[in-house]
Amino acid sequence: MIRRFFAFLWRLLTFPFRLVARPFRALASAISQEPEDTPAVEAFSRTLENPFLLLEHLEALRGHLLRLVAALGLTTAVGFAFAARVLDWLARPIGGIQSLQAIEVTESVSAFMRVSLLTGFVLAFPYICLELFLFIAPGLKRRERFLVLTTIPVAFVLFVAGLSFAYYVMLPVALPFLLNFMGITTVPRPANYIRFVTGLLFWIGMSFQFPLIIYAMAALGMVRARMLVEGWRIAIVIIAVVAAAVTPTVDPVNMGLVMAPMILLYFFSIGLAAFAERTRTRRSEKEAG
């Protein structure tokens, strides 16, 4: 009886770790096994023809989301240990954490939890990408699997680059405007300031994923560089709308700071798409020859 109790307790304590470790075993299986010789588009159309296959995909998606949430919970728990340091780092542009003034009892706790969640998301970002890869891997060829898999480290680097751009370039310009608008001195509150900073860092970091997404889609034959060139006007309008939603201020200067890198990333994505198309064409000609 005691032995069963300790065995149950051990399984309960190690469940989150076993849950998170399962995708790595699935990753080894996905790389080693022979994939179906069916393009992703045909696999998707097959699913539409047979709706019952959609239930299997939904069940698989549920497992991936469950492991993803478990991993995010673990990394957020790790983020608790560094939240105070990260909070002080985020408050440096306004003079440090001592410059924040709380007026509500739970305000500091809310800021602490938000910083812990952002820290946990940054730590879990490669794992989140891995779970997304494992979900779409069955519909990809082996070459396509390796292509998508190799983008995971690049995605993490781009995400960190977006965080760095928002912190070191945008905040030093936006904060003086916000804190001294119309000559009114503002005393930042922890909840408001941390929500503003973490939201800005998150969305700018995610926007830096755009070139990688375009490259992967072009390599899979889903996007063409010519289409991106012809639609650059529409793209700039969309970028302006996104920048207006993400920008912490209403002035055109800070909005331009958001739009400029996104526009550069768009045109950089066109070059990546053209490169991916040439690589795909050469490989197809080589296989046909």
C-alpha atoms as a PDB file:
ATOM      1  CA  MET A   1       0.000   0.000   0.000  1.00  0.00           C
ATOM      2  CA  ILE A   2       2.760   2.419   0.933  1.00  0.00           C
ATOM      3  CA  ARG A   3       4.694   1.404  -2.156  1.00  0.00           C
ATOM      4  CA  ARG A   4       1.707   2.195  -4.386  1.00  0.00           C
ATOM      5  CA  PHE A   5       1.252   5.528  -2.665  1.00  0.00           C
ATOM      6  CA  PHE A   6       4.866   6.567  -3.301  1.00  0.00           C
ATOM      7  CA  ALA A   7       4.651   5.322  -6.888  1.00  0.00           C
ATOM      8  CA  PHE A   8       1.514   7.397  -7.431  1.00  0.00           C
ATOM      9  CA  LEU A   9       3.155  10.392  -5.772  1.00  0.00           C
ATOM     10  CA  TRP A  10       6.219  10.026  -7.987  1.00  0.00           C
ATOM     11  CA  ARG A  11       4.101   9.853 -11.147  1.00  0.00           C
ATOM     12  CA  LEU A  12       2.152  12.899 -10.012  1.00  0.00           C
ATOM     13  CA  LEU A  13       5.275  14.946  -9.304  1.00  0.00           C
ATOM     14  CA  THR A  14       7.022  13.962 -12.522  1.00  0.00           C
ATOM     15  CA  PHE A  15       3.929  14.301 -14.734  1.00  0.00           C
ATOM     16  CA  PRO A  16       4.703  17.865 -15.942  1.00  0.00           C
ATOM     17  CA  PHE A  17       8.276  16.870 -16.818  1.00  0.00           C
ATOM     18  CA  ARG A  18       7.195  13.700 -18.613  1.00  0.00           C
ATOM     19  CA  LEU A  19       4.530  15.683 -20.424  1.00  0.00           C
ATOM     20  CA  VAL A  20       7.080  18.214 -21.634  1.00  0.00           C
ATOM     21  CA  ALA A  21       9.660  15.548 -22.543  1.00  0.00           C
ATOM     22  CA  ARG A  22       7.213  13.629 -24.740  1.00  0.00           C
ATOM     23  CA  PRO A  23       7.566  15.963 -27.767  1.00  0.00           C
ATOM     24  CA  PHE A  24      11.318  15.379 -27.892  1.00  0.00           C
ATOM     25  CA  ARG A  25      10.673  11.675 -28.358  1.00  0.00           C
ATOM     26  CA  ALA A  26       8.076  12.563 -30.971  1.00  0.00           C
ATOM     27  CA  LEU A  27      10.644  14.809 -32.645  1.00  0.00           C
ATOM     28  CA  ALA A  28      13.104  11.953 -33.017  1.00  0.00           C
ATOM     29  CA  SER A  29      10.337   9.801 -34.457  1.00  0.00           C
ATOM     30  CA  ALA A  30       9.219  12.549 -36.864  1.00  0.00           C
ATOM     31  CA  ILE A  31      12.741  12.972 -38.227  1.00  0.00           C
ATOM     32  CA  SER A  32      13.596   9.292 -38.554  1.00  0.00           C
ATOM     33  CA  GLN A  33      10.362   7.898 -39.975  1.00  0.00           C
ATOM     34  CA  GLU A  34       9.556   7.887 -43.651  1.00  0.00           C
ATOM     35  CA  PRO A  35       6.957  10.602 -44.325  1.00  0.00           C
ATOM     36  CA  GLU A  36       4.038  10.266 -46.648  1.00  0.00           C
ATOM     37  CA  ASP A  37       4.839  11.324 -50.194  1.00  0.00           C
ATOM     38  CA  THR A  38       2.012  13.847 -50.106  1.00  0.00           C
ATOM     39  CA  PRO A  39       2.393  17.625 -50.223  1.00  0.00           C
ATOM     40  CA  ALA A  40       0.910  19.669 -47.405  1.00  0.00           C
ATOM     41  CA  VAL A  41      -1.766  21.125 -49.728  1.00  0.00           C
ATOM     42  CA  GLU A  42      -2.992  17.669 -50.749  1.00  0.00           C
ATOM     43  CA  ALA A  43      -3.050  16.541 -47.114  1.00  0.00           C
ATOM     44  CA  PHE A  44      -5.184  19.544 -46.249  1.00  0.00           C
ATOM     45  CA  SER A  45      -7.622  18.875 -49.108  1.00  0.00           C
ATOM     46  CA  ARG A  46      -7.854  15.222 -48.023  1.00  0.00           C
ATOM     47  CA  THR A  47      -8.896  16.380 -44.567  1.00  0.00           C
ATOM     48  CA  LEU A  48     -11.631  18.555 -46.072  1.00  0.00           C
ATOM     49  CA  GLU A  49     -12.943  15.609 -48.072  1.00  0.00           C
ATOM     50  CA  ASN A  50     -13.040  13.374 -44.996  1.00  0.00           C
ATOM     51  CA  PRO A  51     -14.264  15.455 -42.010  1.00  0.00           C
ATOM     52  CA  PHE A  52     -13.625  12.580 -39.590  1.00  0.00           C
ATOM     53  CA  LEU A  53      -9.905  13.130 -40.039  1.00  0.00           C
ATOM     54  CA  LEU A  54     -10.433  16.566 -38.548  1.00  0.00           C
ATOM     55  CA  LEU A  55     -11.299  14.972 -35.207  1.00  0.00           C
ATOM     56  CA  GLU A  56      -7.922  13.265 -35.155  1.00  0.00           C
ATOM     57  CA  HIS A  57      -6.211  16.584 -35.849  1.00  0.00           C
ATOM     58  CA  LEU A  58      -8.204  18.268 -33.098  1.00  0.00           C
ATOM     59  CA  GLU A  59      -7.237  15.523 -30.660  1.00  0.00           C
ATOM     60  CA  ALA A  60      -3.595  15.936 -31.612  1.00  0.00           C
ATOM     61  CA  LEU A  61      -3.924  19.705 -31.258  1.00  0.00           C
ATOM     62  CA  ARG A  62      -5.355  19.249 -27.760  1.00  0.00           C
ATOM     63  CA  GLY A  63      -2.297  17.235 -26.739  1.00  0.00           C
ATOM     64  CA  HIS A  64       0.087  19.824 -28.149  1.00  0.00           C
ATOM     65  CA  LEU A  65      -1.736  22.665 -26.411  1.00  0.00           C
ATOM     66  CA  LEU A  66      -1.737  20.740 -23.123  1.00  0.00           C
ATOM     67  CA  ARG A  67       2.023  20.199 -23.274  1.00  0.00           C
ATOM     68  CA  LEU A  68       2.552  23.787 -24.379  1.00  0.00           C
ATOM     69  CA  VAL A  69       0.608  25.123 -21.388  1.00  0.00           C
ATOM     70  CA  ALA A  70       2.502  22.778 -19.058  1.00  0.00           C
ATOM     71  CA  ALA A  71       5.837  24.003 -20.426  1.00  0.00           C
ATOM     72  CA  LEU A  72       4.734  27.615 -20.105  1.00  0.00           C
ATOM     73  CA  GLY A  73       3.706  26.935 -16.526  1.00  0.00           C
ATOM     74  CA  LEU A  74       7.132  25.476 -15.718  1.00  0.00           C
ATOM     75  CA  THR A  75       9.044  28.338 -17.335  1.00  0.00           C
ATOM     76  CA  THR A  76       6.781  30.888 -15.638  1.00  0.00           C
ATOM     77  CA  ALA A  77       7.575  29.235 -12.317  1.00  0.00           C
ATOM     78  CA  VAL A  78      11.261  29.597 -13.166  1.00  0.00           C
ATOM     79  CA  GLY A  79      10.542  33.211 -14.066  1.00  0.00           C
ATOM     80  CA  PHE A  80       9.379  33.823 -10.493  1.00  0.00           C
ATOM     81  CA  ALA A  81      12.985  33.537  -9.345  1.00  0.00           C
ATOM     82  CA  PHE A  82      14.120  36.248 -11.777  1.00  0.00           C
ATOM     83  CA  ALA A  83      11.021  38.438 -11.854  1.00  0.00           C
ATOM     84  CA  ALA A  84      12.392  41.010  -9.409  1.00  0.00           C
ATOM     85  CA  ARG A  85      15.566  41.467 -11.466  1.00  0.00           C
ATOM     86  CA  VAL A  86      13.639  41.601 -14.734  1.00  0.00           C
ATOM     87  CA  LEU A  87      11.210  44.102 -13.236  1.00  0.00           C
ATOM     88  CA  ASP A  88      14.087  46.335 -12.172  1.00  0.00           C
ATOM     89  CA  TRP A  89      15.620  45.990 -15.663  1.00  0.00           C
ATOM     90  CA  LEU A  90      12.345  46.985 -17.318  1.00  0.00           C
ATOM     91  CA  ALA A  91      12.092  50.023 -15.037  1.00  0.00           C
ATOM     92  CA  ARG A  92      15.605  51.319 -15.819  1.00  0.00           C
ATOM     93  CA  PRO A  93      14.393  53.638 -18.626  1.00  0.00           C
ATOM     94  CA  ILE A  94      12.429  55.617 -16.003  1.00  0.00           C
ATOM     95  CA  GLY A  95      15.079  55.530 -13.279  1.00  0.00           C
ATOM     96  CA  GLY A  96      14.656  52.097 -11.745  1.00  0.00           C
ATOM     97  CA  ILE A  97      12.003  50.296  -9.759  1.00  0.00           C
ATOM     98  CA  GLN A  98      12.036  52.986  -7.064  1.00  0.00           C
ATOM     99  CA  SER A  99      10.452  55.373  -9.583  1.00  0.00           C
ATOM    100  CA  LEU A 100       7.251  53.301  -9.627  1.00  0.00           C
ATOM    101  CA  GLN A 101       4.517  54.193  -7.159  1.00  0.00           C
ATOM    102  CA  ALA A 102       1.646  51.822  -6.387  1.00  0.00           C
ATOM    103  CA  ILE A 103      -1.719  53.104  -5.162  1.00  0.00           C
ATOM    104  CA  GLU A 104      -3.505  49.748  -4.930  1.00  0.00           C
ATOM    105  CA  VAL A 105      -2.775  46.830  -2.618  1.00  0.00           C
ATOM    106  CA  THR A 106      -2.448  44.171  -5.348  1.00  0.00           C
ATOM    107  CA  GLU A 107      -0.801  46.379  -7.957  1.00  0.00           C
ATOM    108  CA  SER A 108       2.766  45.259  -7.262  1.00  0.00           C
ATOM    109  CA  VAL A 109       1.706  41.607  -7.265  1.00  0.00           C
ATOM    110  CA  SER A 110       0.017  42.075 -10.650  1.00  0.00           C
ATOM    111  CA  ALA A 111       3.170  43.619 -12.109  1.00  0.00           C
ATOM    112  CA  PHE A 112       5.286  40.799 -10.650  1.00  0.00           C
ATOM    113  CA  MET A 113       3.040  38.133 -12.207  1.00  0.00           C
ATOM    114  CA  ARG A 114       3.013  39.861 -15.593  1.00  0.00           C
ATOM    115  CA  VAL A 115       6.808  40.057 -15.665  1.00  0.00           C
ATOM    116  CA  SER A 116       7.027  36.392 -14.645  1.00  0.00           C
ATOM    117  CA  LEU A 117       4.678  35.428 -17.469  1.00  0.00           C
ATOM    118  CA  LEU A 118       6.693  37.372 -20.050  1.00  0.00           C
ATOM    119  CA  THR A 119       9.915  35.795 -18.760  1.00  0.00           C
ATOM    120  CA  GLY A 120       8.312  32.364 -18.912  1.00  0.00           C
ATOM    121  CA  PHE A 121       7.113  32.964 -22.474  1.00  0.00           C
ATOM    122  CA  VAL A 122      10.594  34.005 -23.618  1.00  0.00           C
ATOM    123  CA  LEU A 123      12.102  30.888 -22.035  1.00  0.00           C
ATOM    124  CA  ALA A 124       9.389  28.637 -23.485  1.00  0.00           C
ATOM    125  CA  PHE A 125       9.404  30.223 -26.958  1.00  0.00           C
ATOM    126  CA  PRO A 126      11.631  27.564 -28.609  1.00  0.00           C
ATOM    127  CA  TYR A 127       9.495  24.835 -27.059  1.00  0.00           C
ATOM    128  CA  ILE A 128       6.307  26.526 -28.291  1.00  0.00           C
ATOM    129  CA  CYS A 129       7.762  26.565 -31.804  1.00  0.00           C
ATOM    130  CA  LEU A 130       8.661  22.887 -31.413  1.00  0.00           C
ATOM    131  CA  GLU A 131       5.079  21.990 -30.492  1.00  0.00           C
ATOM    132  CA  LEU A 132       3.767  23.892 -33.504  1.00  0.00           C
ATOM    133  CA  PHE A 133       6.259  22.037 -35.691  1.00  0.00           C
ATOM    134  CA  LEU A 134       5.182  18.647 -34.327  1.00  0.00           C
ATOM    135  CA  PHE A 135       1.555  19.498 -35.062  1.00  0.00           C
ATOM    136  CA  ILE A 136       2.165  20.261 -38.749  1.00  0.00           C
ATOM    137  CA  ALA A 137       4.987  17.711 -39.263  1.00  0.00           C
ATOM    138  CA  PRO A 138       2.731  14.783 -40.348  1.00  0.00           C
ATOM    139  CA  GLY A 139       1.577  16.814 -43.359  1.00  0.00           C
ATOM    140  CA  LEU A 140       5.078  17.718 -44.528  1.00  0.00           C
ATOM    141  CA  LYS A 141       7.677  15.899 -46.562  1.00  0.00           C
ATOM    142  CA  ARG A 142      11.007  15.043 -44.978  1.00  0.00           C
ATOM    143  CA  ARG A 143      12.788  17.975 -46.657  1.00  0.00           C
ATOM    144  CA  GLU A 144      10.014  20.314 -45.566  1.00  0.00           C
ATOM    145  CA  ARG A 145      10.265  19.006 -42.018  1.00  0.00           C
ATOM    146  CA  PHE A 146      13.967  19.770 -41.829  1.00  0.00           C
ATOM    147  CA  LEU A 147      13.337  23.216 -43.311  1.00  0.00           C
ATOM    148  CA  VAL A 148      10.703  24.128 -40.719  1.00  0.00           C
ATOM    149  CA  LEU A 149      12.722  22.557 -37.910  1.00  0.00           C
ATOM    150  CA  THR A 150      15.823  24.604 -38.696  1.00  0.00           C
ATOM    151  CA  THR A 151      13.797  27.826 -38.446  1.00  0.00           C
ATOM    152  CA  ILE A 152      13.131  27.337 -34.718  1.00  0.00           C
ATOM    153  CA  PRO A 153      16.529  28.688 -33.513  1.00  0.00           C
ATOM    154  CA  VAL A 154      16.260  31.544 -36.009  1.00  0.00           C
ATOM    155  CA  ALA A 155      12.765  32.352 -34.716  1.00  0.00           C
ATOM    156  CA  PHE A 156      14.103  32.614 -31.179  1.00  0.00           C
ATOM    157  CA  VAL A 157      16.946  34.901 -32.280  1.00  0.00           C
ATOM    158  CA  LEU A 158      14.503  37.137 -34.165  1.00  0.00           C
ATOM    159  CA  PHE A 159      12.193  37.256 -31.160  1.00  0.00           C
ATOM    160  CA  VAL A 160      15.052  38.360 -28.897  1.00  0.00           C
ATOM    161  CA  ALA A 161      16.086  40.910 -31.542  1.00  0.00           C
ATOM    162  CA  GLY A 162      12.557  42.331 -31.486  1.00  0.00           C
ATOM    163  CA  LEU A 163      12.645  42.564 -27.696  1.00  0.00           C
ATOM    164  CA  SER A 164      16.008  44.343 -27.854  1.00  0.00           C
ATOM    165  CA  PHE A 165      14.780  46.793 -30.482  1.00  0.00           C
ATOM    166  CA  ALA A 166      11.697  47.672 -28.447  1.00  0.00           C
ATOM    167  CA  TYR A 167      13.690  48.112 -25.237  1.00  0.00           C
ATOM    168  CA  TYR A 168      16.808  49.893 -26.477  1.00  0.00           C
ATOM    169  CA  VAL A 169      15.359  51.925 -29.377  1.00  0.00           C
ATOM    170  CA  MET A 170      11.648  52.517 -28.863  1.00  0.00           C
ATOM    171  CA  LEU A 171      11.366  52.979 -25.098  1.00  0.00           C
ATOM    172  CA  PRO A 172      14.061  55.706 -24.791  1.00  0.00           C
ATOM    173  CA  VAL A 173      12.157  57.745 -27.380  1.00  0.00           C
ATOM    174  CA  ALA A 174       8.572  56.996 -26.330  1.00  0.00           C
ATOM    175  CA  LEU A 175       8.868  57.344 -22.542  1.00  0.00           C
ATOM    176  CA  PRO A 176      10.065  60.987 -22.378  1.00  0.00           C
ATOM    177  CA  PHE A 177       7.160  61.962 -24.620  1.00  0.00           C
ATOM    178  CA  LEU A 178       4.640  60.064 -22.495  1.00  0.00           C
ATOM    179  CA  LEU A 179       5.933  61.100 -19.065  1.00  0.00           C
ATOM    180  CA  ASN A 180       6.176  64.817 -19.883  1.00  0.00           C
ATOM    181  CA  PHE A 181       3.326  65.335 -22.331  1.00  0.00           C
ATOM    182  CA  MET A 182       2.052  68.941 -22.180  1.00  0.00           C
ATOM    183  CA  GLY A 183       4.501  69.616 -19.362  1.00  0.00           C
ATOM    184  CA  ILE A 184       2.560  67.403 -16.936  1.00  0.00           C
ATOM    185  CA  THR A 185       4.872  65.265 -14.810  1.00  0.00           C
ATOM    186  CA  THR A 186       3.708  61.659 -14.606  1.00  0.00           C
ATOM    187  CA  VAL A 187       4.461  59.255 -11.762  1.00  0.00           C
ATOM    188  CA  PRO A 188       4.341  55.745 -13.306  1.00  0.00           C
ATOM    189  CA  ARG A 189       2.300  53.057 -11.561  1.00  0.00           C
ATOM    190  CA  PRO A 190       3.648  49.471 -11.579  1.00  0.00           C
ATOM    191  CA  ALA A 191       0.546  47.879 -13.129  1.00  0.00           C
ATOM    192  CA  ASN A 192       0.170  50.453 -15.915  1.00  0.00           C
ATOM    193  CA  TYR A 193       3.878  50.773 -16.716  1.00  0.00           C
ATOM    194  CA  ILE A 194       4.609  47.042 -16.731  1.00  0.00           C
ATOM    195  CA  ARG A 195       1.512  46.312 -18.831  1.00  0.00           C
ATOM    196  CA  PHE A 196       2.626  48.946 -21.308  1.00  0.00           C
ATOM    197  CA  VAL A 197       6.257  47.738 -21.505  1.00  0.00           C
ATOM    198  CA  THR A 198       5.556  43.997 -21.607  1.00  0.00           C
ATOM    199  CA  GLY A 199       2.855  44.456 -24.256  1.00  0.00           C
ATOM    200  CA  LEU A 200       5.198  46.524 -26.398  1.00  0.00           C
ATOM    201  CA  LEU A 201       8.069  44.046 -26.060  1.00  0.00           C
ATOM    202  CA  PHE A 202       5.838  41.086 -26.846  1.00  0.00           C
ATOM    203  CA  TRP A 203       4.227  42.474 -30.005  1.00  0.00           C
ATOM    204  CA  ILE A 204       7.440  43.914 -31.432  1.00  0.00           C
ATOM    205  CA  GLY A 205       9.167  40.589 -30.770  1.00  0.00           C
ATOM    206  CA  MET A 206       6.379  38.744 -32.585  1.00  0.00           C
ATOM    207  CA  SER A 207       6.487  41.159 -35.537  1.00  0.00           C
ATOM    208  CA  PHE A 208      10.145  40.252 -36.076  1.00  0.00           C
ATOM    209  CA  GLN A 209       8.993  36.723 -36.985  1.00  0.00           C
ATOM    210  CA  PHE A 210       7.507  37.979 -40.256  1.00  0.00           C
ATOM    211  CA  PRO A 211      10.574  37.440 -42.500  1.00  0.00           C
ATOM    212  CA  LEU A 212      11.006  33.905 -41.217  1.00  0.00           C
ATOM    213  CA  ILE A 213       7.345  33.068 -41.829  1.00  0.00           C
ATOM    214  CA  ILE A 214       7.521  34.438 -45.368  1.00  0.00           C
ATOM    215  CA  TYR A 215      10.709  32.479 -46.079  1.00  0.00           C
ATOM    216  CA  ALA A 216       9.184  29.227 -44.833  1.00  0.00           C
ATOM    217  CA  MET A 217       5.997  29.777 -46.834  1.00  0.00           C
ATOM    218  CA  ALA A 218       7.992  30.608 -49.979  1.00  0.00           C
ATOM    219  CA  ALA A 219      10.150  27.521 -49.503  1.00  0.00           C
ATOM    220  CA  LEU A 220       6.986  25.424 -49.273  1.00  0.00           C
ATOM    221  CA  GLY A 221       5.606  27.053 -52.438  1.00  0.00           C
ATOM    222  CA  MET A 222       2.776  28.883 -50.679  1.00  0.00           C
ATOM    223  CA  VAL A 223       4.016  32.446 -51.375  1.00  0.00           C
ATOM    224  CA  ARG A 224       5.873  34.002 -54.312  1.00  0.00           C
ATOM    225  CA  ALA A 225       8.195  37.006 -54.228  1.00  0.00           C
ATOM    226  CA  ARG A 226       6.410  38.588 -57.199  1.00  0.00           C
ATOM    227  CA  MET A 227       3.153  38.559 -55.266  1.00  0.00           C
ATOM    228  CA  LEU A 228       4.829  40.368 -52.359  1.00  0.00           C
ATOM    229  CA  VAL A 229       6.341  42.973 -54.689  1.00  0.00           C
ATOM    230  CA  GLU A 230       2.998  43.678 -56.374  1.00  0.00           C
ATOM    231  CA  GLY A 231       1.227  44.002 -53.022  1.00  0.00           C
ATOM    232  CA  TRP A 232       3.724  46.322 -51.308  1.00  0.00           C
ATOM    233  CA  ARG A 233       1.232  49.218 -51.149  1.00  0.00           C
ATOM    234  CA  ILE A 234      -1.358  47.100 -49.391  1.00  0.00           C
ATOM    235  CA  ALA A 235       1.367  45.751 -47.100  1.00  0.00           C
ATOM    236  CA  ILE A 236       2.396  49.258 -46.033  1.00  0.00           C
ATOM    237  CA  VAL A 237      -1.217  50.130 -45.225  1.00  0.00           C
ATOM    238  CA  ILE A 238      -1.524  46.970 -43.106  1.00  0.00           C
ATOM    239  CA  ILE A 239       1.782  47.753 -41.406  1.00  0.00           C
ATOM    240  CA  ALA A 240       0.527  51.261 -40.614  1.00  0.00           C
ATOM    241  CA  VAL A 241      -2.620  49.839 -39.024  1.00  0.00           C
ATOM    242  CA  VAL A 242      -0.610  47.345 -36.970  1.00  0.00           C
ATOM    243  CA  ALA A 243       1.875  50.038 -35.939  1.00  0.00           C
ATOM    244  CA  ALA A 244      -0.975  52.300 -34.832  1.00  0.00           C
ATOM    245  CA  ALA A 245      -2.347  49.493 -32.660  1.00  0.00           C
ATOM    246  CA  VAL A 246       1.027  48.575 -31.159  1.00  0.00           C
ATOM    247  CA  THR A 247       2.526  52.066 -30.785  1.00  0.00           C
ATOM    248  CA  PRO A 248       2.303  53.285 -27.190  1.00  0.00           C
ATOM    249  CA  THR A 249       1.788  56.906 -28.241  1.00  0.00           C
ATOM    250  CA  VAL A 250      -0.353  58.740 -30.776  1.00  0.00           C
ATOM    251  CA  ASP A 251       2.400  60.907 -32.269  1.00  0.00           C
ATOM    252  CA  PRO A 252       3.784  60.108 -35.756  1.00  0.00           C
ATOM    253  CA  VAL A 253       7.392  59.936 -34.519  1.00  0.00           C
ATOM    254  CA  ASN A 254       6.886  56.859 -32.356  1.00  0.00           C
ATOM    255  CA  MET A 255       4.556  55.322 -34.914  1.00  0.00           C
ATOM    256  CA  GLY A 256       7.305  55.799 -37.493  1.00  0.00           C
ATOM    257  CA  LEU A 257       9.746  54.023 -35.188  1.00  0.00           C
ATOM    258  CA  VAL A 258       7.476  50.986 -35.298  1.00  0.00           C
ATOM    259  CA  MET A 259       6.718  51.201 -39.013  1.00  0.00           C
ATOM    260  CA  ALA A 260      10.312  51.655 -40.189  1.00  0.00           C
ATOM    261  CA  PRO A 261      11.655  48.248 -39.043  1.00  0.00           C
ATOM    262  CA  MET A 262       8.451  46.496 -40.103  1.00  0.00           C
ATOM    263  CA  ILE A 263       8.699  47.963 -43.617  1.00  0.00           C
ATOM    264  CA  LEU A 264      12.369  46.990 -43.796  1.00  0.00           C
ATOM    265  CA  LEU A 265      11.454  43.499 -42.605  1.00  0.00           C
ATOM    266  CA  TYR A 266       8.799  43.291 -45.341  1.00  0.00           C
ATOM    267  CA  PHE A 267      11.220  44.139 -48.151  1.00  0.00           C
ATOM    268  CA  PHE A 268      13.813  41.868 -46.579  1.00  0.00           C
ATOM    269  CA  SER A 269      11.166  39.144 -46.660  1.00  0.00           C
ATOM    270  CA  ILE A 270      10.800  39.672 -50.420  1.00  0.00           C
ATOM    271  CA  GLY A 271      14.501  38.927 -50.851  1.00  0.00           C
ATOM    272  CA  LEU A 272      14.209  35.828 -48.682  1.00  0.00           C
ATOM    273  CA  ALA A 273      11.173  34.670 -50.669  1.00  0.00           C
ATOM    274  CA  ALA A 274      13.066  35.101 -53.953  1.00  0.00           C
ATOM    275  CA  PHE A 275      16.011  33.142 -52.552  1.00  0.00           C
ATOM    276  CA  ALA A 276      13.700  30.370 -51.349  1.00  0.00           C
ATOM    277  CA  GLU A 277      12.044  30.210 -54.783  1.00  0.00           C
ATOM    278  CA  ARG A 278      15.380  29.870 -56.579  1.00  0.00           C
ATOM    279  CA  THR A 279      16.480  27.155 -54.179  1.00  0.00           C
ATOM    280  CA  ARG A 280      13.198  25.317 -54.641  1.00  0.00           C
ATOM    281  CA  THR A 281      13.395  25.602 -58.443  1.00  0.00           C
ATOM    282  CA  ARG A 282      16.985  24.323 -58.584  1.00  0.00           C
ATOM    283  CA  ARG A 283      16.107  21.372 -56.366  1.00  0.00           C
ATOM    284  CA  SER A 284      13.104  20.505 -58.527  1.00  0.00           C
ATOM    285  CA  GLU A 285      15.210  20.701 -61.720  1.00  0.00           C
ATOM    286  CA  LYS A 286      17.894  18.543 -60.129  1.00  0.00           C
ATOM    287  CA  GLU A 287      15.365  15.903 -59.081  1.00  0.00           C
ATOM    288  CA  ALA A 288      13.704  15.971 -62.498  1.00  0.00           C
ATOM    289  CA  GLY A 289      17.053  15.639 -64.269  1.00  0.00           C
END
